[in-house]
PDB file of N, CA and C in Angstrom:
ATOM      1  N   MET A   1     111.258 106.649 102.212  1.00  0.00           N
ATOM      2  CA  MET A   1     111.298 105.388 101.489  1.00  0.00           C
ATOM      3  C   MET A   1     110.409 105.446 100.260  1.00  0.00           C
ATOM      4  N   GLU A   2     110.818 104.707  99.271  1.00  0.00           N
ATOM      5  CA  GLU A   2     110.064 104.646  98.021  1.00  0.00           C
ATOM      6  C   GLU A   2     108.697 103.993  98.229  1.00  0.00           C
ATOM      7  N   LYS A   3     107.783 104.409  97.383  1.00  0.00           N
ATOM      8  CA  LYS A   3     106.460 103.800  97.400  1.00  0.00           C
ATOM      9  C   LYS A   3     106.231 103.105  96.069  1.00  0.00           C
ATOM     10  N   PRO A   4     105.638 101.910  96.117  1.00  0.00           N
ATOM     11  CA  PRO A   4     105.335 101.219  94.868  1.00  0.00           C
ATOM     12  C   PRO A   4     104.308 102.001  94.050  1.00  0.00           C
ATOM     13  N   ASN A   5     104.354 101.815  92.741  1.00  0.00           N
ATOM     14  CA  ASN A   5     103.373 102.455  91.872  1.00  0.00           C
ATOM     15  C   ASN A   5     103.155 101.585  90.634  1.00  0.00           C
ATOM     16  N   LEU A   6     102.122 101.914  89.906  1.00  0.00           N
ATOM     17  CA  LEU A   6     101.764 101.159  88.703  1.00  0.00           C
ATOM     18  C   LEU A   6     102.105 101.916  87.424  1.00  0.00           C
ATOM     19  N   ASN A   7     102.943 102.914  87.514  1.00  0.00           N
ATOM     20  CA  ASN A   7     103.264 103.749  86.353  1.00  0.00           C
ATOM     21  C   ASN A   7     103.786 102.944  85.171  1.00  0.00           C
ATOM     22  N   TYR A   8     104.694 102.004  85.429  1.00  0.00           N
ATOM     23  CA  TYR A   8     105.278 101.219  84.341  1.00  0.00           C
ATOM     24  C   TYR A   8     104.212 100.360  83.668  1.00  0.00           C
ATOM     25  N   ILE A   9     103.389  99.714  84.452  1.00  0.00           N
ATOM     26  CA  ILE A   9     102.324  98.884  83.884  1.00  0.00           C
ATOM     27  C   ILE A   9     101.379  99.738  83.057  1.00  0.00           C
ATOM     28  N   GLN A  10     101.036 100.906  83.552  1.00  0.00           N
ATOM     29  CA  GLN A  10     100.147 101.804  82.800  1.00  0.00           C
ATOM     30  C   GLN A  10     100.817 102.287  81.523  1.00  0.00           C
ATOM     31  N   GLN A  11     102.100 102.515  81.596  1.00  0.00           N
ATOM     32  CA  GLN A  11     102.841 102.976  80.424  1.00  0.00           C
ATOM     33  C   GLN A  11     102.857 101.916  79.325  1.00  0.00           C
ATOM     34  N   ILE A  12     103.157 100.669  79.689  1.00  0.00           N
ATOM     35  CA  ILE A  12     103.249  99.629  78.659  1.00  0.00           C
ATOM     36  C   ILE A  12     101.879  99.143  78.196  1.00  0.00           C
ATOM     37  N   SER A  13     100.828  99.447  78.961  1.00  0.00           N
ATOM     38  CA  SER A  13      99.487  98.990  78.592  1.00  0.00           C
ATOM     39  C   SER A  13      98.879  99.799  77.458  1.00  0.00           C
ATOM     40  N   GLY A  14      99.378 101.012  77.269  1.00  0.00           N
ATOM     41  CA  GLY A  14      98.793 101.874  76.246  1.00  0.00           C
ATOM     42  C   GLY A  14      97.335 102.198  76.525  1.00  0.00           C
ATOM     43  N   GLY A  15      96.967 102.178  77.802  1.00  0.00           N
ATOM     44  CA  GLY A  15      95.591 102.504  78.184  1.00  0.00           C
ATOM     45  C   GLY A  15      94.650 101.308  78.214  1.00  0.00           C
ATOM     46  N   ASP A  16      95.166 100.127  77.942  1.00  0.00           N
ATOM     47  CA  ASP A  16      94.344  98.908  77.933  1.00  0.00           C
ATOM     48  C   ASP A  16      94.129  98.456  79.383  1.00  0.00           C
ATOM     49  N   LYS A  17      92.959  98.757  79.920  1.00  0.00           N
ATOM     50  CA  LYS A  17      92.648  98.453  81.320  1.00  0.00           C
ATOM     51  C   LYS A  17      92.591  96.955  81.597  1.00  0.00           C
ATOM     52  N   ASP A  18      92.172  96.164  80.615  1.00  0.00           N
ATOM     53  CA  ASP A  18      92.153  94.710  80.799  1.00  0.00           C
ATOM     54  C   ASP A  18      93.572  94.178  80.955  1.00  0.00           C
ATOM     55  N   PHE A  19      94.487  94.694  80.155  1.00  0.00           N
ATOM     56  CA  PHE A  19      95.892  94.306  80.253  1.00  0.00           C
ATOM     57  C   PHE A  19      96.437  94.677  81.631  1.00  0.00           C
ATOM     58  N   GLU A  20      96.140  95.889  82.081  1.00  0.00           N
ATOM     59  CA  GLU A  20      96.604  96.348  83.389  1.00  0.00           C
ATOM     60  C   GLU A  20      96.077  95.450  84.502  1.00  0.00           C
ATOM     61  N   ALA A  21      94.784  95.106  84.425  1.00  0.00           N
ATOM     62  CA  ALA A  21      94.186  94.247  85.445  1.00  0.00           C
ATOM     63  C   ALA A  21      94.822  92.857  85.432  1.00  0.00           C
ATOM     64  N   SER A  22      95.072  92.346  84.238  1.00  0.00           N
ATOM     65  CA  SER A  22      95.695  91.034  84.102  1.00  0.00           C
ATOM     66  C   SER A  22      97.104  91.034  84.673  1.00  0.00           C
ATOM     67  N   MET A  23      97.872  92.049  84.345  1.00  0.00           N
ATOM     68  CA  MET A  23      99.239  92.173  84.862  1.00  0.00           C
ATOM     69  C   MET A  23      99.236  92.261  86.390  1.00  0.00           C
ATOM     70  N   LEU A  24      98.307  93.032  86.923  1.00  0.00           N
ATOM     71  CA  LEU A  24      98.221  93.208  88.372  1.00  0.00           C
ATOM     72  C   LEU A  24      97.858  91.889  89.057  1.00  0.00           C
ATOM     73  N   THR A  25      96.957  91.134  88.461  1.00  0.00           N
ATOM     74  CA  THR A  25      96.580  89.835  89.021  1.00  0.00           C
ATOM     75  C   THR A  25      97.771  88.894  89.055  1.00  0.00           C
ATOM     76  N   ILE A  26      98.486  88.818  87.957  1.00  0.00           N
ATOM     77  CA  ILE A  26      99.676  87.959  87.886  1.00  0.00           C
ATOM     78  C   ILE A  26     100.724  88.412  88.900  1.00  0.00           C
ATOM     79  N   LEU A  27     100.948  89.706  88.963  1.00  0.00           N
ATOM     80  CA  LEU A  27     101.933  90.273  89.886  1.00  0.00           C
ATOM     81  C   LEU A  27     101.592  89.898  91.327  1.00  0.00           C
ATOM     82  N   LYS A  28     100.331  90.051  91.705  1.00  0.00           N
ATOM     83  CA  LYS A  28      99.901  89.715  93.069  1.00  0.00           C
ATOM     84  C   LYS A  28     100.133  88.245  93.376  1.00  0.00           C
ATOM     85  N   GLU A  29      99.678  87.375  92.485  1.00  0.00           N
ATOM     86  CA  GLU A  29      99.787  85.936  92.718  1.00  0.00           C
ATOM     87  C   GLU A  29     101.239  85.498  92.846  1.00  0.00           C
ATOM     88  N   GLU A  30     102.071  85.941  91.937  1.00  0.00           N
ATOM     89  CA  GLU A  30     103.480  85.545  91.965  1.00  0.00           C
ATOM     90  C   GLU A  30     104.200  86.146  93.159  1.00  0.00           C
ATOM     91  N   PHE A  31     103.884  87.396  93.468  1.00  0.00           N
ATOM     92  CA  PHE A  31     104.568  88.073  94.565  1.00  0.00           C
ATOM     93  C   PHE A  31     104.330  87.348  95.884  1.00  0.00           C
ATOM     94  N   ILE A  32     103.100  86.989  96.147  1.00  0.00           N
ATOM     95  CA  ILE A  32     102.760  86.304  97.396  1.00  0.00           C
ATOM     96  C   ILE A  32     103.549  84.997  97.518  1.00  0.00           C
ATOM     97  N   LYS A  33     103.590  84.228  96.439  1.00  0.00           N
ATOM     98  CA  LYS A  33     104.315  82.952  96.450  1.00  0.00           C
ATOM     99  C   LYS A  33     105.811  83.173  96.654  1.00  0.00           C
ATOM    100  N   GLU A  34     106.356  84.153  95.956  1.00  0.00           N
ATOM    101  CA  GLU A  34     107.802  84.402  96.049  1.00  0.00           C
ATOM    102  C   GLU A  34     108.208  84.919  97.425  1.00  0.00           C
ATOM    103  N   LEU A  35     107.380  85.780  98.006  1.00  0.00           N
ATOM    104  CA  LEU A  35     107.683  86.270  99.355  1.00  0.00           C
ATOM    105  C   LEU A  35     107.652  85.116 100.353  1.00  0.00           C
ATOM    106  N   SER A  36     106.707  84.231 100.200  1.00  0.00           N
ATOM    107  CA  SER A  36     106.618  83.066 101.074  1.00  0.00           C
ATOM    108  C   SER A  36     107.870  82.195 100.950  1.00  0.00           C
ATOM    109  N   LEU A  37     108.337  81.981  99.733  1.00  0.00           N
ATOM    110  CA  LEU A  37     109.555  81.186  99.521  1.00  0.00           C
ATOM    111  C   LEU A  37     110.784  81.862 100.118  1.00  0.00           C
ATOM    112  N   ILE A  38     110.845  83.173 100.011  1.00  0.00           N
ATOM    113  CA  ILE A  38     111.969  83.923 100.591  1.00  0.00           C
ATOM    114  C   ILE A  38     112.025  83.686 102.096  1.00  0.00           C
ATOM    115  N   LYS A  39     110.886  83.833 102.750  1.00  0.00           N
ATOM    116  CA  LYS A  39     110.844  83.643 104.199  1.00  0.00           C
ATOM    117  C   LYS A  39     111.164  82.198 104.578  1.00  0.00           C
ATOM    118  N   LYS A  40     110.628  81.253 103.816  1.00  0.00           N
ATOM    119  CA  LYS A  40     110.855  79.832 104.079  1.00  0.00           C
ATOM    120  C   LYS A  40     112.333  79.478 103.937  1.00  0.00           C
ATOM    121  N   ASN A  41     112.958  79.939 102.858  1.00  0.00           N
ATOM    122  CA  ASN A  41     114.360  79.601 102.629  1.00  0.00           C
ATOM    123  C   ASN A  41     115.298  80.314 103.591  1.00  0.00           C
ATOM    124  N   PHE A  42     114.920  81.487 104.052  1.00  0.00           N
ATOM    125  CA  PHE A  42     115.718  82.157 105.076  1.00  0.00           C
ATOM    126  C   PHE A  42     115.673  81.344 106.369  1.00  0.00           C
ATOM    127  N   LYS A  43     114.473  80.915 106.724  1.00  0.00           N
ATOM    128  CA  LYS A  43     114.301  80.134 107.946  1.00  0.00           C
ATOM    129  C   LYS A  43     115.096  78.828 107.877  1.00  0.00           C
ATOM    130  N   LYS A  44     115.136  78.205 106.698  1.00  0.00           N
ATOM    131  CA  LYS A  44     115.888  76.961 106.501  1.00  0.00           C
ATOM    132  C   LYS A  44     117.384  77.203 106.346  1.00  0.00           C
ATOM    133  N   GLU A  45     117.767  78.478 106.264  1.00  0.00           N
ATOM    134  CA  GLU A  45     119.161  78.866 106.026  1.00  0.00           C
ATOM    135  C   GLU A  45     119.689  78.315 104.707  1.00  0.00           C
ATOM    136  N   ASP A  46     118.794  78.231 103.730  1.00  0.00           N
ATOM    137  CA  ASP A  46     119.162  77.796 102.377  1.00  0.00           C
ATOM    138  C   ASP A  46     119.473  79.056 101.568  1.00  0.00           C
ATOM    139  N   TYR A  47     120.680  79.566 101.755  1.00  0.00           N
ATOM    140  CA  TYR A  47     121.041  80.866 101.198  1.00  0.00           C
ATOM    141  C   TYR A  47     121.212  80.851  99.682  1.00  0.00           C
ATOM    142  N   ILE A  48     121.549  79.724  99.116  1.00  0.00           N
ATOM    143  CA  ILE A  48     121.649  79.645  97.650  1.00  0.00           C
ATOM    144  C   ILE A  48     120.255  79.816  97.044  1.00  0.00           C
ATOM    145  N   GLN A  49     119.299  79.052  97.572  1.00  0.00           N
ATOM    146  CA  GLN A  49     117.926  79.163  97.062  1.00  0.00           C
ATOM    147  C   GLN A  49     117.341  80.538  97.382  1.00  0.00           C
ATOM    148  N   LEU A  50     117.650  81.055  98.547  1.00  0.00           N
ATOM    149  CA  LEU A  50     117.173  82.380  98.946  1.00  0.00           C
ATOM    150  C   LEU A  50     117.672  83.449  97.978  1.00  0.00           C
ATOM    151  N   SER A  51     118.930  83.379  97.595  1.00  0.00           N
ATOM    152  CA  SER A  51     119.457  84.374  96.650  1.00  0.00           C
ATOM    153  C   SER A  51     118.748  84.249  95.298  1.00  0.00           C
ATOM    154  N   PHE A  52     118.406  83.027  94.901  1.00  0.00           N
ATOM    155  CA  PHE A  52     117.642  82.818  93.668  1.00  0.00           C
ATOM    156  C   PHE A  52     116.246  83.433  93.798  1.00  0.00           C
ATOM    157  N   ASN A  53     115.605  83.229  94.958  1.00  0.00           N
ATOM    158  CA  ASN A  53     114.275  83.808  95.192  1.00  0.00           C
ATOM    159  C   ASN A  53     114.318  85.331  95.136  1.00  0.00           C
ATOM    160  N   ILE A  54     115.341  85.909  95.711  1.00  0.00           N
ATOM    161  CA  ILE A  54     115.487  87.370  95.692  1.00  0.00           C
ATOM    162  C   ILE A  54     115.703  87.842  94.257  1.00  0.00           C
ATOM    163  N   HIS A  55     116.504  87.109  93.520  1.00  0.00           N
ATOM    164  CA  HIS A  55     116.745  87.469  92.119  1.00  0.00           C
ATOM    165  C   HIS A  55     115.421  87.512  91.353  1.00  0.00           C
ATOM    166  N   LYS A  56     114.572  86.528  91.585  1.00  0.00           N
ATOM    167  CA  LYS A  56     113.282  86.464  90.893  1.00  0.00           C
ATOM    168  C   LYS A  56     112.359  87.620  91.270  1.00  0.00           C
ATOM    169  N   ILE A  57     112.323  87.964  92.536  1.00  0.00           N
ATOM    170  CA  ILE A  57     111.373  88.981  92.993  1.00  0.00           C
ATOM    171  C   ILE A  57     111.834  90.394  92.634  1.00  0.00           C
ATOM    172  N   LYS A  58     113.121  90.550  92.345  1.00  0.00           N
ATOM    173  CA  LYS A  58     113.636  91.880  91.966  1.00  0.00           C
ATOM    174  C   LYS A  58     112.908  92.443  90.753  1.00  0.00           C
ATOM    175  N   HIS A  59     112.540  91.584  89.829  1.00  0.00           N
ATOM    176  CA  HIS A  59     111.825  92.023  88.625  1.00  0.00           C
ATOM    177  C   HIS A  59     110.517  92.728  89.009  1.00  0.00           C
ATOM    178  N   LYS A  60     109.833  92.193  89.988  1.00  0.00           N
ATOM    179  CA  LYS A  60     108.575  92.789  90.427  1.00  0.00           C
ATOM    180  C   LYS A  60     108.821  94.127  91.133  1.00  0.00           C
ATOM    181  N   ILE A  61     109.900  94.209  91.871  1.00  0.00           N
ATOM    182  CA  ILE A  61     110.258  95.474  92.524  1.00  0.00           C
ATOM    183  C   ILE A  61     110.476  96.538  91.449  1.00  0.00           C
ATOM    184  N   SER A  62     111.153  96.163  90.396  1.00  0.00           N
ATOM    185  CA  SER A  62     111.420  97.080  89.287  1.00  0.00           C
ATOM    186  C   SER A  62     110.132  97.497  88.582  1.00  0.00           C
ATOM    187  N   ILE A  63     109.267  96.543  88.309  1.00  0.00           N
ATOM    188  CA  ILE A  63     107.987  96.840  87.641  1.00  0.00           C
ATOM    189  C   ILE A  63     107.184  97.845  88.447  1.00  0.00           C
ATOM    190  N   LEU A  64     107.327  97.796  89.767  1.00  0.00           N
ATOM    191  CA  LEU A  64     106.577  98.703  90.637  1.00  0.00           C
ATOM    192  C   LEU A  64     107.295 100.029  90.854  1.00  0.00           C
ATOM    193  N   GLY A  65     108.308 100.305  90.032  1.00  0.00           N
ATOM    194  CA  GLY A  65     108.947 101.617  90.011  1.00  0.00           C
ATOM    195  C   GLY A  65     109.833 101.936  91.202  1.00  0.00           C
ATOM    196  N   MET A  66     110.338 100.928  91.859  1.00  0.00           N
ATOM    197  CA  MET A  66     111.129 101.144  93.067  1.00  0.00           C
ATOM    198  C   MET A  66     112.614 100.909  92.769  1.00  0.00           C
ATOM    199  N   GLU A  67     113.227 101.882  92.116  1.00  0.00           N
ATOM    200  CA  GLU A  67     114.608 101.741  91.655  1.00  0.00           C
ATOM    201  C   GLU A  67     115.612 101.547  92.787  1.00  0.00           C
ATOM    202  N   LYS A  68     115.499 102.338  93.830  1.00  0.00           N
ATOM    203  CA  LYS A  68     116.438 102.225  94.953  1.00  0.00           C
ATOM    204  C   LYS A  68     116.263 100.881  95.659  1.00  0.00           C
ATOM    205  N   SER A  69     115.033 100.450  95.780  1.00  0.00           N
ATOM    206  CA  SER A  69     114.762  99.159  96.414  1.00  0.00           C
ATOM    207  C   SER A  69     115.288  98.021  95.559  1.00  0.00           C
ATOM    208  N   PHE A  70     115.198  98.161  94.250  1.00  0.00           N
ATOM    209  CA  PHE A  70     115.749  97.165  93.331  1.00  0.00           C
ATOM    210  C   PHE A  70     117.264  97.053  93.538  1.00  0.00           C
ATOM    211  N   GLU A  71     117.927  98.204  93.620  1.00  0.00           N
ATOM    212  CA  GLU A  71     119.378  98.215  93.835  1.00  0.00           C
ATOM    213  C   GLU A  71     119.745  97.569  95.171  1.00  0.00           C
ATOM    214  N   LEU A  72     118.973  97.879  96.211  1.00  0.00           N
ATOM    215  CA  LEU A  72     119.238  97.289  97.522  1.00  0.00           C
ATOM    216  C   LEU A  72     119.018  95.776  97.472  1.00  0.00           C
ATOM    217  N   ALA A  73     117.959  95.340  96.806  1.00  0.00           N
ATOM    218  CA  ALA A  73     117.694  93.902  96.680  1.00  0.00           C
ATOM    219  C   ALA A  73     118.834  93.210  95.940  1.00  0.00           C
ATOM    220  N   SER A  74     119.396  93.878  94.939  1.00  0.00           N
ATOM    221  CA  SER A  74     120.535  93.316  94.210  1.00  0.00           C
ATOM    222  C   SER A  74     121.739  93.149  95.134  1.00  0.00           C
ATOM    223  N   GLU A  75     121.988  94.149  95.965  1.00  0.00           N
ATOM    224  CA  GLU A  75     123.091  94.067  96.933  1.00  0.00           C
ATOM    225  C   GLU A  75     122.862  92.923  97.915  1.00  0.00           C
ATOM    226  N   ILE A  76     121.648  92.842  98.429  1.00  0.00           N
ATOM    227  CA  ILE A  76     121.322  91.818  99.412  1.00  0.00           C
ATOM    228  C   ILE A  76     121.423  90.430  98.784  1.00  0.00           C
ATOM    229  N   GLU A  77     120.994  90.307  97.548  1.00  0.00           N
ATOM    230  CA  GLU A  77     121.111  89.031  96.835  1.00  0.00           C
ATOM    231  C   GLU A  77     122.565  88.558  96.830  1.00  0.00           C
ATOM    232  N   GLN A  78     123.479  89.455  96.490  1.00  0.00           N
ATOM    233  CA  GLN A  78     124.898  89.091  96.447  1.00  0.00           C
ATOM    234  C   GLN A  78     125.445  88.775  97.844  1.00  0.00           C
ATOM    235  N   GLU A  79     125.036  89.570  98.821  1.00  0.00           N
ATOM    236  CA  GLU A  79     125.504  89.343 100.187  1.00  0.00           C
ATOM    237  C   GLU A  79     125.043  87.979 100.700  1.00  0.00           C
ATOM    238  N   ILE A  80     123.798  87.638 100.416  1.00  0.00           N
ATOM    239  CA  ILE A  80     123.258  86.371 100.898  1.00  0.00           C
ATOM    240  C   ILE A  80     123.965  85.190 100.218  1.00  0.00           C
ATOM    241  N   LYS A  81     124.341  85.353  98.962  1.00  0.00           N
ATOM    242  CA  LYS A  81     125.118  84.298  98.293  1.00  0.00           C
ATOM    243  C   LYS A  81     126.400  84.010  99.064  1.00  0.00           C
ATOM    244  N   ASN A  82     126.916  85.034  99.735  1.00  0.00           N
ATOM    245  CA  ASN A  82     128.150  84.900 100.511  1.00  0.00           C
ATOM    246  C   ASN A  82     127.873  84.600 101.993  1.00  0.00           C
ATOM    247  N   GLY A  83     126.603  84.315 102.314  1.00  0.00           N
ATOM    248  CA  GLY A  83     126.256  83.959 103.684  1.00  0.00           C
ATOM    249  C   GLY A  83     126.024  85.130 104.617  1.00  0.00           C
ATOM    250  N   ASN A  84     126.020  86.346 104.090  1.00  0.00           N
ATOM    251  CA  ASN A  84     125.803  87.539 104.911  1.00  0.00           C
ATOM    252  C   ASN A  84     124.317  87.909 104.878  1.00  0.00           C
ATOM    253  N   THR A  85     123.644  87.767 106.009  1.00  0.00           N
ATOM    254  CA  THR A  85     122.200  88.030 106.084  1.00  0.00           C
ATOM    255  C   THR A  85     121.857  89.308 106.846  1.00  0.00           C
ATOM    256  N   GLU A  86     122.851  90.154 107.076  1.00  0.00           N
ATOM    257  CA  GLU A  86     122.629  91.349 107.894  1.00  0.00           C
ATOM    258  C   GLU A  86     121.507  92.249 107.367  1.00  0.00           C
ATOM    259  N   GLN A  87     121.366  92.351 106.060  1.00  0.00           N
ATOM    260  CA  GLN A  87     120.367  93.273 105.500  1.00  0.00           C
ATOM    261  C   GLN A  87     119.040  92.587 105.150  1.00  0.00           C
ATOM    262  N   TYR A  88     118.913  91.326 105.495  1.00  0.00           N
ATOM    263  CA  TYR A  88     117.691  90.587 105.176  1.00  0.00           C
ATOM    264  C   TYR A  88     116.448  91.302 105.706  1.00  0.00           C
ATOM    265  N   ALA A  89     116.506  91.791 106.934  1.00  0.00           N
ATOM    266  CA  ALA A  89     115.352  92.468 107.539  1.00  0.00           C
ATOM    267  C   ALA A  89     114.939  93.693 106.721  1.00  0.00           C
ATOM    268  N   ASN A  90     115.911  94.411 106.159  1.00  0.00           N
ATOM    269  CA  ASN A  90     115.594  95.572 105.325  1.00  0.00           C
ATOM    270  C   ASN A  90     114.839  95.153 104.065  1.00  0.00           C
ATOM    271  N   LEU A  91     115.233  94.027 103.494  1.00  0.00           N
ATOM    272  CA  LEU A  91     114.545  93.515 102.322  1.00  0.00           C
ATOM    273  C   LEU A  91     113.105  93.145 102.667  1.00  0.00           C
ATOM    274  N   ILE A  92     112.913  92.499 103.799  1.00  0.00           N
ATOM    275  CA  ILE A  92     111.574  92.084 104.202  1.00  0.00           C
ATOM    276  C   ILE A  92     110.673  93.308 104.415  1.00  0.00           C
ATOM    277  N   ILE A  93     111.210  94.368 104.955  1.00  0.00           N
ATOM    278  CA  ILE A  93     110.418  95.595 105.137  1.00  0.00           C
ATOM    279  C   ILE A  93     109.913  96.092 103.782  1.00  0.00           C
ATOM    280  N   ILE A  94     110.795  96.117 102.804  1.00  0.00           N
ATOM    281  CA  ILE A  94     110.423  96.559 101.454  1.00  0.00           C
ATOM    282  C   ILE A  94     109.364  95.628 100.874  1.00  0.00           C
ATOM    283  N   LEU A  95     109.596  94.339 100.970  1.00  0.00           N
ATOM    284  CA  LEU A  95     108.675  93.376 100.378  1.00  0.00           C
ATOM    285  C   LEU A  95     107.311  93.386 101.059  1.00  0.00           C
ATOM    286  N   GLU A  96     107.293  93.568 102.351  1.00  0.00           N
ATOM    287  CA  GLU A  96     106.013  93.628 103.050  1.00  0.00           C
ATOM    288  C   GLU A  96     105.258  94.907 102.688  1.00  0.00           C
ATOM    289  N   ARG A  97     105.975  96.000 102.464  1.00  0.00           N
ATOM    290  CA  ARG A  97     105.341  97.236 102.019  1.00  0.00           C
ATOM    291  C   ARG A  97     104.694  97.012 100.647  1.00  0.00           C
ATOM    292  N   ILE A  98     105.408  96.314  99.767  1.00  0.00           N
ATOM    293  CA  ILE A  98     104.861  95.996  98.442  1.00  0.00           C
ATOM    294  C   ILE A  98     103.637  95.093  98.595  1.00  0.00           C
ATOM    295  N   GLY A  99     103.714  94.112  99.476  1.00  0.00           N
ATOM    296  CA  GLY A  99     102.584  93.217  99.710  1.00  0.00           C
ATOM    297  C   GLY A  99     101.340  93.963 100.133  1.00  0.00           C
ATOM    298  N   VAL A 100     101.489  94.915 101.042  1.00  0.00           N
ATOM    299  CA  VAL A 100     100.360  95.737 101.490  1.00  0.00           C
ATOM    300  C   VAL A 100      99.806  96.546 100.310  1.00  0.00           C
ATOM    301  N   TYR A 101     100.698  97.142  99.556  1.00  0.00           N
ATOM    302  CA  TYR A 101     100.296  97.930  98.384  1.00  0.00           C
ATOM    303  C   TYR A 101      99.478  97.081  97.405  1.00  0.00           C
ATOM    304  N   LEU A 102     100.003  95.902  97.098  1.00  0.00           N
ATOM    305  CA  LEU A 102      99.305  95.030  96.137  1.00  0.00           C
ATOM    306  C   LEU A 102      97.972  94.528  96.682  1.00  0.00           C
ATOM    307  N   SER A 103      97.902  94.286  97.966  1.00  0.00           N
ATOM    308  CA  SER A 103      96.638  93.787  98.539  1.00  0.00           C
ATOM    309  C   SER A 103      95.552  94.852  98.495  1.00  0.00           C
ATOM    310  N   ASP A 104      95.953  96.114  98.445  1.00  0.00           N
ATOM    311  CA  ASP A 104      94.991  97.214  98.357  1.00  0.00           C
ATOM    312  C   ASP A 104      94.529  97.486  96.929  1.00  0.00           C
ATOM    313  N   LYS A 105      95.127  96.829  95.956  1.00  0.00           N
ATOM    314  CA  LYS A 105      94.797  97.069  94.544  1.00  0.00           C
ATOM    315  C   LYS A 105      93.787  96.074  94.054  1.00  0.00           C
TER     316      LYS A 105
END
C-alpha cells in the first residue's frame, strides 16, 4: 500500500520551511474535520453528502502523493453516489493511515 509523503508540499515550497509548516497545519486541521464528516455522513446514510465529503478529501490524498489511493477514492465517490458502499471500508483504511501519518508530523 502507498504511504503518504510531503514531497509535493516540499516541491512547491521552494525550500520555504515556514510555508511547509503552514501547509501541514492547514492540511491536518482540515483533514481531521473532513474525516469526521465522512464517518458521520456514512453513519447517517447521507450518501449525497458523503460523496461530496469524499470529493473534498481527495485533494488532500493527492497532495500527499498517493496517486493510487486518489484513484480509488474517485471510484468510491462515484459508487457511493449510486448507493454502493461496498468499498467504504477500504477508503477508511486509507484515510486512517493518512490521519496517523499527519498526527506524527
